[in-house]
C-alpha atoms as a PDB file:
ATOM      1  CA  MET A   1     138.866  79.051  88.450  1.00  0.00           C
ATOM      2  CA  LEU A   2     138.358  82.809  88.421  1.00  0.00           C
ATOM      3  CA  ASP A   3     135.403  82.431  86.043  1.00  0.00           C
ATOM      4  CA  GLN A   4     133.726  79.956  88.421  1.00  0.00           C
ATOM      5  CA  LEU A   5     134.168  82.350  91.337  1.00  0.00           C
ATOM      6  CA  ARG A   6     132.787  85.232  89.300  1.00  0.00           C
ATOM      7  CA  SER A   7     129.819  83.110  88.196  1.00  0.00           C
ATOM      8  CA  ARG A   8     129.047  82.042  91.764  1.00  0.00           C
ATOM      9  CA  THR A   9     129.330  85.637  92.980  1.00  0.00           C
ATOM     10  CA  ILE A  10     126.872  86.831  90.342  1.00  0.00           C
ATOM     11  CA  THR A  11     124.473  83.991  91.162  1.00  0.00           C
ATOM     12  CA  ALA A  12     124.657  84.828  94.869  1.00  0.00           C
ATOM     13  CA  LEU A  13     124.008  88.527  94.193  1.00  0.00           C
ATOM     14  CA  ILE A  14     120.993  87.701  92.034  1.00  0.00           C
ATOM     15  CA  ALA A  15     119.609  85.394  94.738  1.00  0.00           C
ATOM     16  CA  LEU A  16     120.188  88.069  97.389  1.00  0.00           C
ATOM     17  CA  ALA A  17     118.430  90.702  95.272  1.00  0.00           C
ATOM     18  CA  GLY A  18     115.509  88.331  94.696  1.00  0.00           C
ATOM     19  CA  ALA A  19     115.201  87.649  98.416  1.00  0.00           C
ATOM     20  CA  ALA A  20     115.254  91.390  99.170  1.00  0.00           C
ATOM     21  CA  VAL A  21     112.446  92.015  96.687  1.00  0.00           C
ATOM     22  CA  LEU A  22     110.409  89.156  98.117  1.00  0.00           C
ATOM     23  CA  LEU A  23     110.830  90.368 101.692  1.00  0.00           C
ATOM     24  CA  SER A  24     110.007  93.964 100.796  1.00  0.00           C
ATOM     25  CA  THR A  25     106.688  92.914  99.277  1.00  0.00           C
ATOM     26  CA  CYS A  26     105.699  90.745 102.244  1.00  0.00           C
ATOM     27  CA  GLN A  27     103.111  92.364 104.432  1.00  0.00           C
ATOM     28  CA  GLY A  28     100.422  91.070 106.700  1.00  0.00           C
ATOM     29  CA  PRO A  29      97.637  88.968 105.294  1.00  0.00           C
ATOM     30  CA  ALA A  30      95.295  90.642 102.891  1.00  0.00           C
ATOM     31  CA  PRO A  31      92.276  91.923 104.784  1.00  0.00           C
ATOM     32  CA  ALA A  32      88.970  90.208 104.214  1.00  0.00           C
ATOM     33  CA  ALA A  33      86.514  92.155 102.141  1.00  0.00           C
ATOM     34  CA  GLY A  34      84.481  94.334 104.407  1.00  0.00           C
ATOM     35  CA  PRO A  35      84.161  97.728 105.954  1.00  0.00           C
ATOM     36  CA  THR A  36      86.660  99.529 108.129  1.00  0.00           C
ATOM     37  CA  GLY A  37      85.838  99.524 111.802  1.00  0.00           C
ATOM     38  CA  VAL A  38      86.974  99.041 115.380  1.00  0.00           C
ATOM     39  CA  VAL A  39      87.777  95.589 116.755  1.00  0.00           C
ATOM     40  CA  THR A  40      85.230  94.895 119.502  1.00  0.00           C
ATOM     41  CA  THR A  41      85.800  91.220 120.346  1.00  0.00           C
ATOM     42  CA  ARG A  42      88.358  88.487 119.760  1.00  0.00           C
ATOM     43  CA  THR A  43      87.505  84.801 120.041  1.00  0.00           C
ATOM     44  CA  THR A  44      89.189  81.481 119.380  1.00  0.00           C
ATOM     45  CA  ASP A  45      87.374  78.215 118.742  1.00  0.00           C
ATOM     46  CA  ALA A  46      87.866  74.955 116.860  1.00  0.00           C
ATOM     47  CA  THR A  47      87.575  76.760 113.515  1.00  0.00           C
ATOM     48  CA  GLY A  48      90.267  79.352 114.256  1.00  0.00           C
ATOM     49  CA  ASP A  49      90.824  82.877 115.512  1.00  0.00           C
ATOM     50  CA  HIS A  50      88.058  85.420 114.923  1.00  0.00           C
ATOM     51  CA  ILE A  51      87.754  89.163 115.352  1.00  0.00           C
ATOM     52  CA  THR A  52      84.504  91.097 115.366  1.00  0.00           C
ATOM     53  CA  VAL A  53      84.555  94.606 113.943  1.00  0.00           C
ATOM     54  CA  ARG A  54      81.946  97.330 114.464  1.00  0.00           C
ATOM     55  CA  SER A  55      81.688  99.485 111.349  1.00  0.00           C
ATOM     56  CA  GLN A  56      80.794 103.177 111.376  1.00  0.00           C
ATOM     57  CA  ASP A  57      77.145 102.363 110.690  1.00  0.00           C
ATOM     58  CA  GLY A  58      77.054 100.225 113.858  1.00  0.00           C
ATOM     59  CA  GLN A  59      76.936  96.812 112.187  1.00  0.00           C
ATOM     60  CA  HIS A  60      79.135  93.974 113.424  1.00  0.00           C
ATOM     61  CA  HIS A  61      81.239  91.898 111.023  1.00  0.00           C
ATOM     62  CA  THR A  62      83.203  88.798 112.053  1.00  0.00           C
ATOM     63  CA  TYR A  63      86.391  87.755 110.265  1.00  0.00           C
ATOM     64  CA  THR A  64      88.563  84.662 110.600  1.00  0.00           C
ATOM     65  CA  VAL A  65      92.224  85.691 110.812  1.00  0.00           C
ATOM     66  CA  ASP A  66      95.555  83.931 111.235  1.00  0.00           C
ATOM     67  CA  ALA A  67      97.347  83.803 114.586  1.00  0.00           C
ATOM     68  CA  GLU A  68      99.681  86.712 113.789  1.00  0.00           C
ATOM     69  CA  ALA A  69      96.820  88.994 112.735  1.00  0.00           C
ATOM     70  CA  PHE A  70      94.897  87.911 115.831  1.00  0.00           C
ATOM     71  CA  GLY A  71      97.819  89.086 117.957  1.00  0.00           C
ATOM     72  CA  HIS A  72      97.948  92.488 116.257  1.00  0.00           C
ATOM     73  CA  CYS A  73      94.204  93.177 116.033  1.00  0.00           C
ATOM     74  CA  THR A  74      93.498  93.732 119.707  1.00  0.00           C
ATOM     75  CA  THR A  75      90.267  95.148 121.079  1.00  0.00           C
ATOM     76  CA  GLY A  76      90.021  98.840 120.232  1.00  0.00           C
ATOM     77  CA  THR A  77      92.334  98.784 117.210  1.00  0.00           C
ATOM     78  CA  THR A  78      91.159  99.806 113.763  1.00  0.00           C
ATOM     79  CA  TYR A  79      90.554  97.065 111.188  1.00  0.00           C
ATOM     80  CA  PRO A  80      92.091  96.536 108.621  1.00  0.00           C
ATOM     81  CA  ALA A  81      94.922  98.899 109.695  1.00  0.00           C
ATOM     82  CA  CYS A  82      95.832  96.434 112.477  1.00  0.00           C
ATOM     83  CA  LEU A  83      96.816  93.943 109.749  1.00  0.00           C
ATOM     84  CA  THR A  84      99.695  96.069 108.417  1.00  0.00           C
ATOM     85  CA  TYR A  85     102.605  94.906 110.532  1.00  0.00           C
END
């Protein structure tokens, strides 16, 4: 009986440690390849949520992002820093 309890306790501790490692490595979605810039527009259409970023050289780049990233990358924020939440 005591061995079963000890075995279950060890299994639970291993599962808890695994969950902690998994949660500590979870971050926002990986940013799309592209230059750093300032979010200038946010749009939603049938294909998803999109942000447009103006890079330092003045070019505009549009990225499709998930709903959570769309909420964090508001107009005026810096991309991809707005994805680290």
